[in-house]
Amino acid sequence: MLDQLGKGARIRTKLLALLLGIGVPAVAIVGGAGYLRGEQAMEHEVLAHLTSVRATKAREIEDYVGRMRAQLASLAGGPRIIAAMRLFRGGYAELGNTDVSDAERARLLAWYEAAFLPRLQASATTRAQDLVPQAPGAVRLQLEFLSADGRRPDQVEIDAPQAPMSAYLATHARFDRLLRNFVDGLRYYDVFLIESDGGRVVYSASKEIDFGTSLLTGPHRESGLARAFRAARTAEPGHTTLVDFAAYVPSYGAPASFLAIPVFD
């Protein structure tokens, strides 16, 4: 009898062990499947959230660019900008008719080497000779506004440039405050006026090394600003062109984006 009971106990033990042996893998499989379903649900929730954030940011960017387009169109269509464009263009042409001495060119080159290149976030192979403009008008403007007394552009006081008071400087004194208020009020980095024939930057609020240069033949003809100008040059009235962010040498290699619109008289 005891022997039979012992055999029965062993059978029950084996049966229980067999059931446990079957049950543990089953529980492990069910648990693993549940974990995978939970992971997939979490991943789906995260992706849905990111998609929603992306859509929200896209709308915000579209709204921001839309406001910029409207602000630029309002500025470009105003009579003061039309008058400024006409006068700056004439003043620049007058500067372009003056001779620039070798000493003046050497002084501007020295400023590039001492004040600009050390701050440029670009390849060490960049040469000052490749950045210095050759056009007399550009040399004159950069000597007047950028390299005055050997100071950096952000140290130059440009509200009241000194004599000789050419037609350009008189125009600058008349319109500079208006244009800088536009930049400061709307928190832009710069505003440019560019004459259409030669692509010359006849006005810049920030006064960087693109100032006075030609965007068709000058040292920055491959830049984002030049691309924006070329698109606006052939655009219909009121049409704005947006050029995406890219490194911009005149701003010491910092990323810059440009929005351009033609000015019609």
C-alpha atoms as a PDB file:
ATOM      1  CA  MET A   1       0.000   0.000   0.000  1.00  0.00           C
ATOM      2  CA  LEU A   2       2.740   2.422   0.973  1.00  0.00           C
ATOM      3  CA  ASP A   3       4.587   1.484  -2.113  1.00  0.00           C
ATOM      4  CA  GLN A   4       1.536   2.193  -4.213  1.00  0.00           C
ATOM      5  CA  LEU A   5       1.029   5.525  -2.445  1.00  0.00           C
ATOM      6  CA  GLY A   6       4.629   6.365  -3.089  1.00  0.00           C
ATOM      7  CA  LYS A   7       4.215   5.547  -6.758  1.00  0.00           C
ATOM      8  CA  GLY A   8       1.080   7.723  -6.878  1.00  0.00           C
ATOM      9  CA  ALA A   9       2.943  10.590  -5.317  1.00  0.00           C
ATOM     10  CA  ARG A  10       5.708  10.280  -7.844  1.00  0.00           C
ATOM     11  CA  ILE A  11       3.188  10.213 -10.657  1.00  0.00           C
ATOM     12  CA  ARG A  12       1.494  13.380  -9.320  1.00  0.00           C
ATOM     13  CA  THR A  13       4.883  15.026  -8.943  1.00  0.00           C
ATOM     14  CA  LYS A  14       5.815  14.138 -12.487  1.00  0.00           C
ATOM     15  CA  LEU A  15       2.419  15.272 -13.752  1.00  0.00           C
ATOM     16  CA  LEU A  16       2.727  18.552 -11.874  1.00  0.00           C
ATOM     17  CA  ALA A  17       6.232  19.005 -13.174  1.00  0.00           C
ATOM     18  CA  LEU A  18       5.013  18.273 -16.690  1.00  0.00           C
ATOM     19  CA  LEU A  19       2.213  20.800 -16.362  1.00  0.00           C
ATOM     20  CA  LEU A  20       4.620  23.385 -15.014  1.00  0.00           C
ATOM     21  CA  GLY A  21       6.969  22.566 -17.825  1.00  0.00           C
ATOM     22  CA  ILE A  22       4.195  23.237 -20.294  1.00  0.00           C
ATOM     23  CA  GLY A  23       2.848  26.308 -18.438  1.00  0.00           C
ATOM     24  CA  VAL A  24       6.072  28.278 -17.971  1.00  0.00           C
ATOM     25  CA  PRO A  25       6.851  28.550 -21.707  1.00  0.00           C
ATOM     26  CA  ALA A  26       3.214  29.456 -22.333  1.00  0.00           C
ATOM     27  CA  VAL A  27       3.355  32.217 -19.751  1.00  0.00           C
ATOM     28  CA  ALA A  28       6.673  33.395 -21.175  1.00  0.00           C
ATOM     29  CA  ILE A  29       5.216  33.499 -24.690  1.00  0.00           C
ATOM     30  CA  VAL A  30       2.091  35.336 -23.554  1.00  0.00           C
ATOM     31  CA  GLY A  31       4.207  37.743 -21.527  1.00  0.00           C
ATOM     32  CA  GLY A  32       6.538  38.377 -24.472  1.00  0.00           C
ATOM     33  CA  ALA A  33       3.622  38.983 -26.826  1.00  0.00           C
ATOM     34  CA  GLY A  34       2.103  41.398 -24.326  1.00  0.00           C
ATOM     35  CA  TYR A  35       5.409  43.291 -24.052  1.00  0.00           C
ATOM     36  CA  LEU A  36       5.668  43.568 -27.838  1.00  0.00           C
ATOM     37  CA  ARG A  37       2.096  44.837 -28.099  1.00  0.00           C
ATOM     38  CA  GLY A  38       2.819  47.419 -25.377  1.00  0.00           C
ATOM     39  CA  GLU A  39       6.022  48.527 -27.112  1.00  0.00           C
ATOM     40  CA  GLN A  40       4.198  48.902 -30.439  1.00  0.00           C
ATOM     41  CA  ALA A  41       1.416  50.895 -28.781  1.00  0.00           C
ATOM     42  CA  MET A  42       3.969  53.207 -27.128  1.00  0.00           C
ATOM     43  CA  GLU A  43       5.858  53.633 -30.401  1.00  0.00           C
ATOM     44  CA  HIS A  44       2.618  54.468 -32.213  1.00  0.00           C
ATOM     45  CA  GLU A  45       1.742  57.048 -29.541  1.00  0.00           C
ATOM     46  CA  VAL A  46       5.186  58.670 -29.741  1.00  0.00           C
ATOM     47  CA  LEU A  47       5.065  58.803 -33.561  1.00  0.00           C
ATOM     48  CA  ALA A  48       1.565  60.291 -33.459  1.00  0.00           C
ATOM     49  CA  HIS A  49       2.797  62.975 -31.032  1.00  0.00           C
ATOM     50  CA  LEU A  50       5.834  63.776 -33.174  1.00  0.00           C
ATOM     51  CA  THR A  51       3.637  64.000 -36.271  1.00  0.00           C
ATOM     52  CA  SER A  52       1.364  66.435 -34.463  1.00  0.00           C
ATOM     53  CA  VAL A  53       4.338  68.530 -33.300  1.00  0.00           C
ATOM     54  CA  ARG A  54       5.740  68.545 -36.835  1.00  0.00           C
ATOM     55  CA  ALA A  55       2.432  69.758 -38.266  1.00  0.00           C
ATOM     56  CA  THR A  56       2.192  72.481 -35.612  1.00  0.00           C
ATOM     57  CA  LYS A  57       5.748  73.681 -36.257  1.00  0.00           C
ATOM     58  CA  ALA A  58       5.163  73.637 -40.007  1.00  0.00           C
ATOM     59  CA  ARG A  59       2.100  75.871 -39.589  1.00  0.00           C
ATOM     60  CA  GLU A  60       4.063  78.225 -37.326  1.00  0.00           C
ATOM     61  CA  ILE A  61       6.874  78.496 -39.888  1.00  0.00           C
ATOM     62  CA  GLU A  62       4.402  79.044 -42.728  1.00  0.00           C
ATOM     63  CA  ASP A  63       2.663  81.763 -40.717  1.00  0.00           C
ATOM     64  CA  TYR A  64       5.995  83.418 -39.886  1.00  0.00           C
ATOM     65  CA  VAL A  65       7.158  83.410 -43.490  1.00  0.00           C
ATOM     66  CA  GLY A  66       3.746  84.683 -44.562  1.00  0.00           C
ATOM     67  CA  ARG A  67       4.046  87.633 -42.187  1.00  0.00           C
ATOM     68  CA  MET A  68       7.540  88.377 -43.487  1.00  0.00           C
ATOM     69  CA  ARG A  69       6.289  88.317 -47.065  1.00  0.00           C
ATOM     70  CA  ALA A  70       3.504  90.765 -46.192  1.00  0.00           C
ATOM     71  CA  GLN A  71       5.914  93.073 -44.316  1.00  0.00           C
ATOM     72  CA  LEU A  72       8.403  93.052 -47.165  1.00  0.00           C
ATOM     73  CA  ALA A  73       5.723  93.715 -49.759  1.00  0.00           C
ATOM     74  CA  SER A  74       4.443  96.658 -47.725  1.00  0.00           C
ATOM     75  CA  LEU A  75       7.949  98.103 -47.438  1.00  0.00           C
ATOM     76  CA  ALA A  76       8.857  97.598 -51.095  1.00  0.00           C
ATOM     77  CA  GLY A  77       5.657  99.205 -52.329  1.00  0.00           C
ATOM     78  CA  GLY A  78       6.006 102.363 -50.253  1.00  0.00           C
ATOM     79  CA  PRO A  79       6.957 105.676 -51.880  1.00  0.00           C
ATOM     80  CA  ARG A  80       9.869 106.236 -49.485  1.00  0.00           C
ATOM     81  CA  ILE A  81      11.570 102.993 -50.519  1.00  0.00           C
ATOM     82  CA  ILE A  82      11.063 103.820 -54.185  1.00  0.00           C
ATOM     83  CA  ALA A  83      12.642 107.243 -53.581  1.00  0.00           C
ATOM     84  CA  ALA A  84      15.458 105.698 -51.527  1.00  0.00           C
ATOM     85  CA  MET A  85      16.200 103.152 -54.238  1.00  0.00           C
ATOM     86  CA  ARG A  86      16.420 105.865 -56.883  1.00  0.00           C
ATOM     87  CA  LEU A  87      18.681 108.122 -54.778  1.00  0.00           C
ATOM     88  CA  PHE A  88      20.953 105.364 -53.482  1.00  0.00           C
ATOM     89  CA  ARG A  89      21.417 104.143 -57.013  1.00  0.00           C
ATOM     90  CA  GLY A  90      22.421 107.604 -58.199  1.00  0.00           C
ATOM     91  CA  GLY A  91      24.727 108.162 -55.231  1.00  0.00           C
ATOM     92  CA  TYR A  92      26.466 104.840 -55.795  1.00  0.00           C
ATOM     93  CA  ALA A  93      26.992 105.665 -59.474  1.00  0.00           C
ATOM     94  CA  GLU A  94      28.704 108.893 -58.408  1.00  0.00           C
ATOM     95  CA  LEU A  95      31.034 106.989 -56.090  1.00  0.00           C
ATOM     96  CA  GLY A  96      31.821 104.554 -58.884  1.00  0.00           C
ATOM     97  CA  ASN A  97      33.111 107.388 -61.045  1.00  0.00           C
ATOM     98  CA  THR A  98      35.839 108.308 -58.565  1.00  0.00           C
ATOM     99  CA  ASP A  99      39.339 106.845 -58.701  1.00  0.00           C
ATOM    100  CA  VAL A 100      40.583 104.632 -55.893  1.00  0.00           C
ATOM    101  CA  SER A 101      44.291 104.740 -55.140  1.00  0.00           C
ATOM    102  CA  ASP A 102      46.518 101.742 -54.536  1.00  0.00           C
ATOM    103  CA  ALA A 103      47.002 102.975 -50.974  1.00  0.00           C
ATOM    104  CA  GLU A 104      43.266 102.926 -50.350  1.00  0.00           C
ATOM    105  CA  ARG A 105      42.956  99.390 -51.739  1.00  0.00           C
ATOM    106  CA  ALA A 106      45.873  98.293 -49.559  1.00  0.00           C
ATOM    107  CA  ARG A 107      44.216  99.817 -46.495  1.00  0.00           C
ATOM    108  CA  LEU A 108      40.992  97.922 -47.148  1.00  0.00           C
ATOM    109  CA  LEU A 109      42.904  94.666 -47.722  1.00  0.00           C
ATOM    110  CA  ALA A 110      44.744  95.161 -44.428  1.00  0.00           C
ATOM    111  CA  TRP A 111      41.421  95.584 -42.633  1.00  0.00           C
ATOM    112  CA  TYR A 112      40.113  92.317 -44.093  1.00  0.00           C
ATOM    113  CA  GLU A 113      43.234  90.490 -42.937  1.00  0.00           C
ATOM    114  CA  ALA A 114      43.297  92.000 -39.455  1.00  0.00           C
ATOM    115  CA  ALA A 115      39.627  92.413 -38.561  1.00  0.00           C
ATOM    116  CA  PHE A 116      37.496  90.140 -40.734  1.00  0.00           C
ATOM    117  CA  LEU A 117      39.369  86.899 -41.431  1.00  0.00           C
ATOM    118  CA  PRO A 118      40.141  86.108 -37.757  1.00  0.00           C
ATOM    119  CA  ARG A 119      36.390  85.991 -37.040  1.00  0.00           C
ATOM    120  CA  LEU A 120      35.374  84.096 -40.162  1.00  0.00           C
ATOM    121  CA  GLN A 121      33.908  80.627 -39.523  1.00  0.00           C
ATOM    122  CA  ALA A 122      35.241  79.132 -42.721  1.00  0.00           C
ATOM    123  CA  SER A 123      38.144  77.252 -44.180  1.00  0.00           C
ATOM    124  CA  ALA A 124      41.591  78.420 -43.191  1.00  0.00           C
ATOM    125  CA  THR A 125      42.404  78.633 -46.896  1.00  0.00           C
ATOM    126  CA  THR A 126      40.070  81.612 -47.391  1.00  0.00           C
ATOM    127  CA  ARG A 127      42.134  84.556 -48.625  1.00  0.00           C
ATOM    128  CA  ALA A 128      41.411  88.209 -48.052  1.00  0.00           C
ATOM    129  CA  GLN A 129      42.258  88.874 -51.705  1.00  0.00           C
ATOM    130  CA  ASP A 130      39.289  86.736 -52.742  1.00  0.00           C
ATOM    131  CA  LEU A 131      36.864  88.761 -50.616  1.00  0.00           C
ATOM    132  CA  VAL A 132      37.969  92.354 -51.161  1.00  0.00           C
ATOM    133  CA  PRO A 133      35.821  94.097 -53.822  1.00  0.00           C
ATOM    134  CA  GLN A 134      37.433  95.658 -56.867  1.00  0.00           C
ATOM    135  CA  ALA A 135      34.711  98.110 -57.933  1.00  0.00           C
ATOM    136  CA  PRO A 136      35.566 101.699 -56.893  1.00  0.00           C
ATOM    137  CA  GLY A 137      32.101 102.278 -55.412  1.00  0.00           C
ATOM    138  CA  ALA A 138      32.344  99.214 -53.193  1.00  0.00           C
ATOM    139  CA  VAL A 139      35.857 100.126 -52.068  1.00  0.00           C
ATOM    140  CA  ARG A 140      34.730 103.656 -51.215  1.00  0.00           C
ATOM    141  CA  LEU A 141      31.726 102.488 -49.199  1.00  0.00           C
ATOM    142  CA  GLN A 142      33.651  99.838 -47.301  1.00  0.00           C
ATOM    143  CA  LEU A 143      36.438 102.261 -46.453  1.00  0.00           C
ATOM    144  CA  GLU A 144      33.842 104.751 -45.226  1.00  0.00           C
ATOM    145  CA  PHE A 145      31.650 102.419 -43.186  1.00  0.00           C
ATOM    146  CA  LEU A 146      33.547  99.203 -42.424  1.00  0.00           C
ATOM    147  CA  SER A 147      37.217  99.943 -41.920  1.00  0.00           C
ATOM    148  CA  ALA A 148      36.970 103.430 -40.422  1.00  0.00           C
ATOM    149  CA  ASP A 149      39.831 103.873 -37.949  1.00  0.00           C
ATOM    150  CA  GLY A 150      40.556 100.154 -38.166  1.00  0.00           C
ATOM    151  CA  ARG A 151      37.427  99.265 -36.161  1.00  0.00           C
ATOM    152  CA  ARG A 152      35.237  96.232 -36.768  1.00  0.00           C
ATOM    153  CA  PRO A 153      31.821  96.714 -38.459  1.00  0.00           C
ATOM    154  CA  ASP A 154      29.966  96.268 -35.151  1.00  0.00           C
ATOM    155  CA  GLN A 155      32.040  99.067 -33.610  1.00  0.00           C
ATOM    156  CA  VAL A 156      31.512 101.642 -36.348  1.00  0.00           C
ATOM    157  CA  GLU A 157      29.043 104.446 -35.723  1.00  0.00           C
ATOM    158  CA  ILE A 158      27.110 104.695 -38.975  1.00  0.00           C
ATOM    159  CA  ASP A 159      24.416 107.210 -38.066  1.00  0.00           C
ATOM    160  CA  ALA A 160      26.335 110.273 -39.257  1.00  0.00           C
ATOM    161  CA  PRO A 161      29.228 109.437 -41.594  1.00  0.00           C
ATOM    162  CA  GLN A 162      31.784 112.173 -41.943  1.00  0.00           C
ATOM    163  CA  ALA A 163      32.608 114.355 -44.934  1.00  0.00           C
ATOM    164  CA  PRO A 164      33.070 114.459 -47.821  1.00  0.00           C
ATOM    165  CA  MET A 165      29.282 114.594 -48.047  1.00  0.00           C
ATOM    166  CA  SER A 166      28.657 113.114 -51.437  1.00  0.00           C
ATOM    167  CA  ALA A 167      25.201 112.495 -52.836  1.00  0.00           C
ATOM    168  CA  TYR A 168      25.416 108.976 -51.444  1.00  0.00           C
ATOM    169  CA  LEU A 169      26.167 110.083 -47.891  1.00  0.00           C
ATOM    170  CA  ALA A 170      23.361 112.636 -48.007  1.00  0.00           C
ATOM    171  CA  THR A 171      20.942 109.902 -49.092  1.00  0.00           C
ATOM    172  CA  HIS A 172      22.247 107.604 -46.378  1.00  0.00           C
ATOM    173  CA  ALA A 173      21.681 110.235 -43.722  1.00  0.00           C
ATOM    174  CA  ARG A 174      18.127 110.683 -44.970  1.00  0.00           C
ATOM    175  CA  PHE A 175      17.013 107.037 -45.130  1.00  0.00           C
ATOM    176  CA  ASP A 176      19.267 105.018 -42.835  1.00  0.00           C
ATOM    177  CA  ARG A 177      17.207 105.557 -39.679  1.00  0.00           C
ATOM    178  CA  LEU A 178      13.996 104.545 -41.446  1.00  0.00           C
ATOM    179  CA  LEU A 179      15.483 101.306 -42.715  1.00  0.00           C
ATOM    180  CA  ARG A 180      17.220 100.432 -39.465  1.00  0.00           C
ATOM    181  CA  ASN A 181      13.966 100.984 -37.571  1.00  0.00           C
ATOM    182  CA  PHE A 182      12.344  98.491 -39.935  1.00  0.00           C
ATOM    183  CA  VAL A 183      15.060  95.939 -39.128  1.00  0.00           C
ATOM    184  CA  ASP A 184      15.004  96.539 -35.384  1.00  0.00           C
ATOM    185  CA  GLY A 185      11.228  96.735 -35.067  1.00  0.00           C
ATOM    186  CA  LEU A 186      10.647  93.424 -36.843  1.00  0.00           C
ATOM    187  CA  ARG A 187      13.787  91.754 -35.448  1.00  0.00           C
ATOM    188  CA  TYR A 188      15.437  91.049 -38.768  1.00  0.00           C
ATOM    189  CA  TYR A 189      19.181  90.849 -39.170  1.00  0.00           C
ATOM    190  CA  ASP A 190      19.528  93.123 -42.167  1.00  0.00           C
ATOM    191  CA  VAL A 191      17.726  94.794 -45.041  1.00  0.00           C
ATOM    192  CA  PHE A 192      19.332  95.376 -48.443  1.00  0.00           C
ATOM    193  CA  LEU A 193      18.604  97.630 -51.379  1.00  0.00           C
ATOM    194  CA  ILE A 194      20.122  96.209 -54.575  1.00  0.00           C
ATOM    195  CA  GLU A 195      20.064  97.957 -57.922  1.00  0.00           C
ATOM    196  CA  SER A 196      18.868  95.686 -60.693  1.00  0.00           C
ATOM    197  CA  ASP A 197      21.312  96.371 -63.550  1.00  0.00           C
ATOM    198  CA  GLY A 198      24.618  95.444 -61.931  1.00  0.00           C
ATOM    199  CA  GLY A 199      23.319  93.727 -58.810  1.00  0.00           C
ATOM    200  CA  ARG A 200      25.148  96.206 -56.558  1.00  0.00           C
ATOM    201  CA  VAL A 201      24.223  96.333 -52.882  1.00  0.00           C
ATOM    202  CA  VAL A 202      23.661 100.089 -52.650  1.00  0.00           C
ATOM    203  CA  TYR A 203      22.369  99.916 -49.061  1.00  0.00           C
ATOM    204  CA  SER A 204      22.733  97.527 -46.127  1.00  0.00           C
ATOM    205  CA  ALA A 205      21.631  98.203 -42.574  1.00  0.00           C
ATOM    206  CA  SER A 206      24.243  95.885 -41.014  1.00  0.00           C
ATOM    207  CA  LYS A 207      27.149  97.080 -43.178  1.00  0.00           C
ATOM    208  CA  GLU A 208      28.989  93.801 -43.712  1.00  0.00           C
ATOM    209  CA  ILE A 209      31.449  92.926 -46.479  1.00  0.00           C
ATOM    210  CA  ASP A 210      28.667  92.396 -49.026  1.00  0.00           C
ATOM    211  CA  PHE A 211      27.999  96.145 -48.814  1.00  0.00           C
ATOM    212  CA  GLY A 212      28.672  97.863 -52.137  1.00  0.00           C
ATOM    213  CA  THR A 213      29.590  94.658 -53.973  1.00  0.00           C
ATOM    214  CA  SER A 214      27.989  93.303 -57.140  1.00  0.00           C
ATOM    215  CA  LEU A 215      25.949  90.127 -56.709  1.00  0.00           C
ATOM    216  CA  LEU A 216      26.496  89.360 -60.388  1.00  0.00           C
ATOM    217  CA  THR A 217      30.269  89.714 -60.668  1.00  0.00           C
ATOM    218  CA  GLY A 218      31.575  90.391 -57.148  1.00  0.00           C
ATOM    219  CA  PRO A 219      33.050  88.087 -54.499  1.00  0.00           C
ATOM    220  CA  HIS A 220      29.612  87.010 -53.174  1.00  0.00           C
ATOM    221  CA  ARG A 221      27.992  86.171 -56.515  1.00  0.00           C
ATOM    222  CA  GLU A 222      27.450  82.524 -55.445  1.00  0.00           C
ATOM    223  CA  SER A 223      25.882  83.364 -52.085  1.00  0.00           C
ATOM    224  CA  GLY A 224      22.304  82.968 -50.895  1.00  0.00           C
ATOM    225  CA  LEU A 225      21.819  86.714 -51.171  1.00  0.00           C
ATOM    226  CA  ALA A 226      22.890  86.573 -54.830  1.00  0.00           C
ATOM    227  CA  ARG A 227      20.431  83.738 -55.519  1.00  0.00           C
ATOM    228  CA  ALA A 228      17.619  85.723 -53.909  1.00  0.00           C
ATOM    229  CA  PHE A 229      18.545  88.791 -55.955  1.00  0.00           C
ATOM    230  CA  ARG A 230      18.644  86.922 -59.266  1.00  0.00           C
ATOM    231  CA  ALA A 231      15.207  85.430 -58.596  1.00  0.00           C
ATOM    232  CA  ALA A 232      13.702  88.797 -57.614  1.00  0.00           C
ATOM    233  CA  ARG A 233      15.315  90.505 -60.586  1.00  0.00           C
ATOM    234  CA  THR A 234      12.989  88.701 -63.001  1.00  0.00           C
ATOM    235  CA  ALA A 235       9.953  88.344 -60.701  1.00  0.00           C
ATOM    236  CA  GLU A 236       6.563  89.946 -61.135  1.00  0.00           C
ATOM    237  CA  PRO A 237       5.521  92.850 -58.874  1.00  0.00           C
ATOM    238  CA  GLY A 238       4.663  91.659 -55.380  1.00  0.00           C
ATOM    239  CA  HIS A 239       6.268  88.228 -55.806  1.00  0.00           C
ATOM    240  CA  THR A 240       8.642  87.239 -52.982  1.00  0.00           C
ATOM    241  CA  THR A 241      11.458  84.709 -53.244  1.00  0.00           C
ATOM    242  CA  LEU A 242      12.698  82.718 -50.250  1.00  0.00           C
ATOM    243  CA  VAL A 243      16.222  81.262 -50.172  1.00  0.00           C
ATOM    244  CA  ASP A 244      16.832  78.668 -47.452  1.00  0.00           C
ATOM    245  CA  PHE A 245      19.481  78.814 -44.736  1.00  0.00           C
ATOM    246  CA  ALA A 246      23.116  78.299 -45.693  1.00  0.00           C
ATOM    247  CA  ALA A 247      26.469  79.530 -44.419  1.00  0.00           C
ATOM    248  CA  TYR A 248      26.932  83.177 -45.376  1.00  0.00           C
ATOM    249  CA  VAL A 249      30.513  84.460 -45.510  1.00  0.00           C
ATOM    250  CA  PRO A 250      29.774  88.197 -44.953  1.00  0.00           C
ATOM    251  CA  SER A 251      28.097  87.259 -41.647  1.00  0.00           C
ATOM    252  CA  TYR A 252      31.267  85.431 -40.591  1.00  0.00           C
ATOM    253  CA  GLY A 253      29.967  82.118 -41.914  1.00  0.00           C
ATOM    254  CA  ALA A 254      26.780  82.080 -39.828  1.00  0.00           C
ATOM    255  CA  PRO A 255      23.662  80.509 -41.423  1.00  0.00           C
ATOM    256  CA  ALA A 256      21.459  83.040 -43.202  1.00  0.00           C
ATOM    257  CA  SER A 257      18.191  82.913 -45.122  1.00  0.00           C
ATOM    258  CA  PHE A 258      16.968  85.623 -47.491  1.00  0.00           C
ATOM    259  CA  LEU A 259      13.585  86.882 -48.645  1.00  0.00           C
ATOM    260  CA  ALA A 260      13.607  89.130 -51.740  1.00  0.00           C
ATOM    261  CA  ILE A 261      11.040  91.195 -53.621  1.00  0.00           C
ATOM    262  CA  PRO A 262      11.388  93.531 -56.631  1.00  0.00           C
ATOM    263  CA  VAL A 263      10.850  97.269 -56.212  1.00  0.00           C
ATOM    264  CA  PHE A 264       8.920  98.889 -59.044  1.00  0.00           C
ATOM    265  CA  ASP A 265       8.573 102.610 -59.669  1.00  0.00           C
END
